[in-house]
Amino acid sequence: AAGIASLWGPAHGGANEAVLRMLTEIANK
């Protein structure tokens, strides 16, 4: 459970979420 809490941090396990947010920001090819 402690490992899950640490992984939740955006600098660790949230990197692929950040990719999708970036693609949303770009919005158009």
PDB file of all heavy atoms in Angstrom:
ATOM      1  N   ALA A   1       0.840  -1.202   0.000  1.00  0.00           N
ATOM      2  CA  ALA A   1       0.000   0.000   0.000  1.00  0.00           C
ATOM      3  C   ALA A   1       0.874   1.251   0.000  1.00  0.00           C
ATOM      4  O   ALA A   1       0.572   2.242  -0.670  1.00  0.00           O
ATOM      5  CB  ALA A   1      -0.940  -0.003   1.209  1.00  0.00           C
ATOM      6  N   ALA A   2       1.981   1.208   0.747  1.00  0.00           N
ATOM      7  CA  ALA A   2       2.925   2.333   0.754  1.00  0.00           C
ATOM      8  C   ALA A   2       3.551   2.521  -0.623  1.00  0.00           C
ATOM      9  O   ALA A   2       3.741   3.652  -1.089  1.00  0.00           O
ATOM     10  CB  ALA A   2       4.006   2.098   1.804  1.00  0.00           C
ATOM     11  N   GLY A   3       3.868   1.408  -1.290  1.00  0.00           N
ATOM     12  CA  GLY A   3       4.409   1.487  -2.640  1.00  0.00           C
ATOM     13  C   GLY A   3       3.428   2.116  -3.615  1.00  0.00           C
ATOM     14  O   GLY A   3       3.812   2.917  -4.472  1.00  0.00           O
ATOM     15  N   ILE A   4       2.159   1.760  -3.497  1.00  0.00           N
ATOM     16  CA  ILE A   4       1.121   2.343  -4.348  1.00  0.00           C
ATOM     17  C   ILE A   4       1.050   3.852  -4.138  1.00  0.00           C
ATOM     18  O   ILE A   4       0.953   4.626  -5.099  1.00  0.00           O
ATOM     19  CB  ILE A   4      -0.246   1.689  -4.070  1.00  0.00           C
ATOM     20  CG1 ILE A   4      -0.218   0.215  -4.496  1.00  0.00           C
ATOM     21  CG2 ILE A   4      -1.370   2.424  -4.785  1.00  0.00           C
ATOM     22  CD1 ILE A   4      -1.438  -0.570  -4.048  1.00  0.00           C
ATOM     23  N   ALA A   5       1.100   4.280  -2.886  1.00  0.00           N
ATOM     24  CA  ALA A   5       1.045   5.709  -2.577  1.00  0.00           C
ATOM     25  C   ALA A   5       2.211   6.452  -3.220  1.00  0.00           C
ATOM     26  O   ALA A   5       2.046   7.548  -3.767  1.00  0.00           O
ATOM     27  CB  ALA A   5       1.045   5.916  -1.062  1.00  0.00           C
ATOM     28  N   SER A   6       3.410   5.857  -3.172  1.00  0.00           N
ATOM     29  CA  SER A   6       4.576   6.482  -3.778  1.00  0.00           C
ATOM     30  C   SER A   6       4.468   6.512  -5.298  1.00  0.00           C
ATOM     31  O   SER A   6       4.800   7.517  -5.939  1.00  0.00           O
ATOM     32  CB  SER A   6       5.844   5.733  -3.354  1.00  0.00           C
ATOM     33  OG  SER A   6       6.986   6.269  -3.961  1.00  0.00           O
ATOM     34  N   LEU A   7       3.996   5.423  -5.871  1.00  0.00           N
ATOM     35  CA  LEU A   7       3.844   5.339  -7.323  1.00  0.00           C
ATOM     36  C   LEU A   7       2.883   6.385  -7.858  1.00  0.00           C
ATOM     37  O   LEU A   7       2.999   6.833  -8.998  1.00  0.00           O
ATOM     38  CB  LEU A   7       3.364   3.938  -7.707  1.00  0.00           C
ATOM     39  CG  LEU A   7       3.250   3.639  -9.204  1.00  0.00           C
ATOM     40  CD1 LEU A   7       4.626   3.589  -9.860  1.00  0.00           C
ATOM     41  CD2 LEU A   7       2.500   2.322  -9.431  1.00  0.00           C
ATOM     42  N   TRP A   8       1.923   6.768  -7.056  1.00  0.00           N
ATOM     43  CA  TRP A   8       0.887   7.706  -7.472  1.00  0.00           C
ATOM     44  C   TRP A   8       1.467   9.081  -7.828  1.00  0.00           C
ATOM     45  O   TRP A   8       0.877   9.843  -8.592  1.00  0.00           O
ATOM     46  CB  TRP A   8      -0.151   7.830  -6.356  1.00  0.00           C
ATOM     47  CG  TRP A   8      -1.407   8.539  -6.714  1.00  0.00           C
ATOM     48  CD1 TRP A   8      -1.771   9.034  -7.942  1.00  0.00           C
ATOM     49  CD2 TRP A   8      -2.485   8.825  -5.831  1.00  0.00           C
ATOM     50  NE1 TRP A   8      -3.022   9.610  -7.856  1.00  0.00           N
ATOM     51  CE2 TRP A   8      -3.476   9.494  -6.582  1.00  0.00           C
ATOM     52  CE3 TRP A   8      -2.712   8.577  -4.473  1.00  0.00           C
ATOM     53  CZ2 TRP A   8      -4.663   9.935  -6.012  1.00  0.00           C
ATOM     54  CZ3 TRP A   8      -3.890   9.002  -3.908  1.00  0.00           C
ATOM     55  CH2 TRP A   8      -4.858   9.680  -4.667  1.00  0.00           C
ATOM     56  N   GLY A   9       2.618   9.398  -7.313  1.00  0.00           N
ATOM     57  CA  GLY A   9       3.221  10.703  -7.576  1.00  0.00           C
ATOM     58  C   GLY A   9       3.435  10.939  -9.062  1.00  0.00           C
ATOM     59  O   GLY A   9       3.865  10.032  -9.783  1.00  0.00           O
ATOM     60  N   PRO A  10       3.146  12.151  -9.563  1.00  0.00           N
ATOM     61  CA  PRO A  10       3.259  12.426 -11.000  1.00  0.00           C
ATOM     62  C   PRO A  10       4.669  12.304 -11.551  1.00  0.00           C
ATOM     63  O   PRO A  10       4.857  12.062 -12.740  1.00  0.00           O
ATOM     64  CB  PRO A  10       2.734  13.865 -11.121  1.00  0.00           C
ATOM     65  CG  PRO A  10       2.884  14.453  -9.748  1.00  0.00           C
ATOM     66  CD  PRO A  10       2.675  13.314  -8.794  1.00  0.00           C
ATOM     67  N   ALA A  11       5.684  12.431 -10.698  1.00  0.00           N
ATOM     68  CA  ALA A  11       7.060  12.283 -11.159  1.00  0.00           C
ATOM     69  C   ALA A  11       7.463  10.821 -11.296  1.00  0.00           C
ATOM     70  O   ALA A  11       8.548  10.517 -11.793  1.00  0.00           O
ATOM     71  CB  ALA A  11       8.024  12.990 -10.198  1.00  0.00           C
ATOM     72  N   HIS A  12       6.610   9.913 -10.866  1.00  0.00           N
ATOM     73  CA  HIS A  12       6.944   8.491 -10.887  1.00  0.00           C
ATOM     74  C   HIS A  12       5.991   7.742 -11.797  1.00  0.00           C
ATOM     75  O   HIS A  12       6.279   7.546 -12.975  1.00  0.00           O
ATOM     76  CB  HIS A  12       6.906   7.942  -9.461  1.00  0.00           C
ATOM     77  CG  HIS A  12       7.428   6.543  -9.307  1.00  0.00           C
ATOM     78  ND1 HIS A  12       8.018   5.817 -10.327  1.00  0.00           N
ATOM     79  CD2 HIS A  12       7.448   5.709  -8.231  1.00  0.00           C
ATOM     80  CE1 HIS A  12       8.379   4.625  -9.886  1.00  0.00           C
ATOM     81  NE2 HIS A  12       8.044   4.528  -8.639  1.00  0.00           N
ATOM     82  N   GLY A  13       4.849   7.358 -11.297  1.00  0.00           N
ATOM     83  CA  GLY A  13       3.949   6.517 -12.081  1.00  0.00           C
ATOM     84  C   GLY A  13       2.989   7.262 -12.977  1.00  0.00           C
ATOM     85  O   GLY A  13       2.271   6.641 -13.761  1.00  0.00           O
ATOM     86  N   GLY A  14       2.965   8.575 -12.879  1.00  0.00           N
ATOM     87  CA  GLY A  14       1.992   9.341 -13.652  1.00  0.00           C
ATOM     88  C   GLY A  14       2.492   9.842 -14.993  1.00  0.00           C
ATOM     89  O   GLY A  14       1.839  10.666 -15.635  1.00  0.00           O
ATOM     90  N   ALA A  15       3.646   9.310 -15.446  1.00  0.00           N
ATOM     91  CA  ALA A  15       4.247   9.844 -16.672  1.00  0.00           C
ATOM     92  C   ALA A  15       3.389   9.584 -17.914  1.00  0.00           C
ATOM     93  O   ALA A  15       3.288  10.436 -18.793  1.00  0.00           O
ATOM     94  CB  ALA A  15       5.642   9.261 -16.857  1.00  0.00           C
ATOM     95  N   ASN A  16       2.771   8.391 -18.005  1.00  0.00           N
ATOM     96  CA  ASN A  16       1.946   8.130 -19.197  1.00  0.00           C
ATOM     97  C   ASN A  16       0.652   8.946 -19.175  1.00  0.00           C
ATOM     98  O   ASN A  16       0.106   9.262 -20.234  1.00  0.00           O
ATOM     99  CB  ASN A  16       1.674   6.637 -19.395  1.00  0.00           C
ATOM    100  CG  ASN A  16       1.185   5.942 -18.160  1.00  0.00           C
ATOM    101  OD1 ASN A  16       0.804   6.575 -17.174  1.00  0.00           O
ATOM    102  ND2 ASN A  16       1.195   4.612 -18.184  1.00  0.00           N
ATOM    103  N   GLU A  17       0.155   9.277 -17.988  1.00  0.00           N
ATOM    104  CA  GLU A  17      -0.961  10.216 -17.913  1.00  0.00           C
ATOM    105  C   GLU A  17      -0.549  11.570 -18.466  1.00  0.00           C
ATOM    106  O   GLU A  17      -1.305  12.221 -19.189  1.00  0.00           O
ATOM    107  CB  GLU A  17      -1.439  10.377 -16.466  1.00  0.00           C
ATOM    108  CG  GLU A  17      -2.181   9.198 -15.883  1.00  0.00           C
ATOM    109  CD  GLU A  17      -2.837   9.530 -14.548  1.00  0.00           C
ATOM    110  OE1 GLU A  17      -3.340  10.650 -14.410  1.00  0.00           O
ATOM    111  OE2 GLU A  17      -2.839   8.667 -13.657  1.00  0.00           O
ATOM    112  N   ALA A  18       0.675  11.998 -18.123  1.00  0.00           N
ATOM    113  CA  ALA A  18       1.176  13.287 -18.593  1.00  0.00           C
ATOM    114  C   ALA A  18       1.293  13.319 -20.118  1.00  0.00           C
ATOM    115  O   ALA A  18       1.092  14.363 -20.745  1.00  0.00           O
ATOM    116  CB  ALA A  18       2.528  13.591 -17.947  1.00  0.00           C
ATOM    117  N   VAL A  19       1.612  12.177 -20.731  1.00  0.00           N
ATOM    118  CA  VAL A  19       1.680  12.093 -22.191  1.00  0.00           C
ATOM    119  C   VAL A  19       0.322  12.418 -22.804  1.00  0.00           C
ATOM    120  O   VAL A  19       0.224  13.204 -23.763  1.00  0.00           O
ATOM    121  CB  VAL A  19       2.156  10.694 -22.634  1.00  0.00           C
ATOM    122  CG1 VAL A  19       1.999  10.534 -24.152  1.00  0.00           C
ATOM    123  CG2 VAL A  19       3.600  10.454 -22.228  1.00  0.00           C
ATOM    124  N   LEU A  20      -0.734  11.825 -22.270  1.00  0.00           N
ATOM    125  CA  LEU A  20      -2.066  12.078 -22.797  1.00  0.00           C
ATOM    126  C   LEU A  20      -2.489  13.528 -22.591  1.00  0.00           C
ATOM    127  O   LEU A  20      -3.138  14.130 -23.459  1.00  0.00           O
ATOM    128  CB  LEU A  20      -3.087  11.129 -22.159  1.00  0.00           C
ATOM    129  CG  LEU A  20      -3.345   9.806 -22.906  1.00  0.00           C
ATOM    130  CD1 LEU A  20      -4.041  10.076 -24.255  1.00  0.00           C
ATOM    131  CD2 LEU A  20      -2.063   9.014 -23.133  1.00  0.00           C
ATOM    132  N   ARG A  21      -2.131  14.113 -21.452  1.00  0.00           N
ATOM    133  CA  ARG A  21      -2.448  15.529 -21.222  1.00  0.00           C
ATOM    134  C   ARG A  21      -1.715  16.416 -22.231  1.00  0.00           C
ATOM    135  O   ARG A  21      -2.266  17.391 -22.728  1.00  0.00           O
ATOM    136  CB  ARG A  21      -2.081  15.927 -19.787  1.00  0.00           C
ATOM    137  CG  ARG A  21      -3.001  15.345 -18.720  1.00  0.00           C
ATOM    138  CD  ARG A  21      -2.814  16.046 -17.388  1.00  0.00           C
ATOM    139  NE  ARG A  21      -1.493  15.826 -16.837  1.00  0.00           N
ATOM    140  CZ  ARG A  21      -1.176  14.809 -16.044  1.00  0.00           C
ATOM    141  NH1 ARG A  21      -2.082  13.913 -15.701  1.00  0.00           N
ATOM    142  NH2 ARG A  21       0.067  14.688 -15.575  1.00  0.00           N
ATOM    143  N   MET A  22      -0.463  16.064 -22.544  1.00  0.00           N
ATOM    144  CA  MET A  22       0.298  16.819 -23.536  1.00  0.00           C
ATOM    145  C   MET A  22      -0.353  16.713 -24.910  1.00  0.00           C
ATOM    146  O   MET A  22      -0.484  17.721 -25.621  1.00  0.00           O
ATOM    147  CB  MET A  22       1.731  16.302 -23.599  1.00  0.00           C
ATOM    148  CG  MET A  22       2.586  16.959 -24.676  1.00  0.00           C
ATOM    149  SD  MET A  22       4.131  16.063 -24.973  1.00  0.00           S
ATOM    150  CE  MET A  22       3.495  14.546 -25.765  1.00  0.00           C
ATOM    151  N   LEU A  23      -0.765  15.523 -25.301  1.00  0.00           N
ATOM    152  CA  LEU A  23      -1.415  15.342 -26.591  1.00  0.00           C
ATOM    153  C   LEU A  23      -2.714  16.141 -26.670  1.00  0.00           C
ATOM    154  O   LEU A  23      -3.050  16.704 -27.713  1.00  0.00           O
ATOM    155  CB  LEU A  23      -1.685  13.857 -26.833  1.00  0.00           C
ATOM    156  CG  LEU A  23      -0.460  12.949 -26.942  1.00  0.00           C
ATOM    157  CD1 LEU A  23      -0.870  11.491 -27.079  1.00  0.00           C
ATOM    158  CD2 LEU A  23       0.444  13.353 -28.100  1.00  0.00           C
ATOM    159  N   THR A  24      -3.426  16.203 -25.555  1.00  0.00           N
ATOM    160  CA  THR A  24      -4.647  17.003 -25.494  1.00  0.00           C
ATOM    161  C   THR A  24      -4.326  18.486 -25.664  1.00  0.00           C
ATOM    162  O   THR A  24      -5.059  19.221 -26.329  1.00  0.00           O
ATOM    163  CB  THR A  24      -5.372  16.762 -24.159  1.00  0.00           C
ATOM    164  OG1 THR A  24      -5.670  15.368 -24.016  1.00  0.00           O
ATOM    165  CG2 THR A  24      -6.671  17.566 -24.089  1.00  0.00           C
ATOM    166  N   GLU A  25      -3.218  18.919 -25.071  1.00  0.00           N
ATOM    167  CA  GLU A  25      -2.806  20.323 -25.194  1.00  0.00           C
ATOM    168  C   GLU A  25      -2.431  20.659 -26.633  1.00  0.00           C
ATOM    169  O   GLU A  25      -2.758  21.732 -27.138  1.00  0.00           O
ATOM    170  CB  GLU A  25      -1.624  20.612 -24.270  1.00  0.00           C
ATOM    171  CG  GLU A  25      -1.167  22.071 -24.274  1.00  0.00           C
ATOM    172  CD  GLU A  25       0.035  22.331 -23.392  1.00  0.00           C
ATOM    173  OE1 GLU A  25       0.505  21.384 -22.727  1.00  0.00           O
ATOM    174  OE2 GLU A  25       0.537  23.477 -23.377  1.00  0.00           O
ATOM    175  N   ILE A  26      -1.738  19.742 -27.311  1.00  0.00           N
ATOM    176  CA  ILE A  26      -1.367  19.973 -28.710  1.00  0.00           C
ATOM    177  C   ILE A  26      -2.624  20.080 -29.567  1.00  0.00           C
ATOM    178  O   ILE A  26      -2.725  20.969 -30.424  1.00  0.00           O
ATOM    179  CB  ILE A  26      -0.436  18.861 -29.223  1.00  0.00           C
ATOM    180  CG1 ILE A  26       0.889  18.890 -28.454  1.00  0.00           C
ATOM    181  CG2 ILE A  26      -0.182  19.012 -30.714  1.00  0.00           C
ATOM    182  CD1 ILE A  26       1.835  17.745 -28.782  1.00  0.00           C
ATOM    183  N   ALA A  27      -3.565  19.165 -29.360  1.00  0.00           N
ATOM    184  CA  ALA A  27      -4.941  19.233 -29.888  1.00  0.00           C
ATOM    185  C   ALA A  27      -5.059  18.966 -31.386  1.00  0.00           C
ATOM    186  O   ALA A  27      -6.088  18.467 -31.835  1.00  0.00           O
ATOM    187  CB  ALA A  27      -5.591  20.580 -29.548  1.00  0.00           C
ATOM    188  N   ASN A  28      -4.056  19.305 -32.185  1.00  0.00           N
ATOM    189  CA  ASN A  28      -4.168  19.161 -33.637  1.00  0.00           C
ATOM    190  C   ASN A  28      -2.795  18.864 -34.229  1.00  0.00           C
ATOM    191  O   ASN A  28      -1.784  19.436 -33.808  1.00  0.00           O
ATOM    192  CB  ASN A  28      -4.744  20.448 -34.248  1.00  0.00           C
ATOM    193  CG  ASN A  28      -5.118  20.283 -35.711  1.00  0.00           C
ATOM    194  OD1 ASN A  28      -4.268  20.069 -36.570  1.00  0.00           O
ATOM    195  ND2 ASN A  28      -6.415  20.389 -36.003  1.00  0.00           N
ATOM    196  N   LYS A  29      -2.759  17.989 -35.225  1.00  0.00           N
ATOM    197  CA  LYS A  29      -1.482  17.637 -35.856  1.00  0.00           C
ATOM    198  C   LYS A  29      -0.768  18.852 -36.431  1.00  0.00           C
ATOM    199  O   LYS A  29       0.458  18.915 -36.466  1.00  0.00           O
ATOM    200  CB  LYS A  29      -1.694  16.591 -36.956  1.00  0.00           C
ATOM    201  CG  LYS A  29      -1.967  15.199 -36.452  1.00  0.00           C
ATOM    202  CD  LYS A  29      -1.754  14.142 -37.507  1.00  0.00           C
ATOM    203  CE  LYS A  29      -2.694  14.275 -38.676  1.00  0.00           C
ATOM    204  NZ  LYS A  29      -2.525  13.166 -39.667  1.00  0.00           N
TER     205      LYS A  29
END
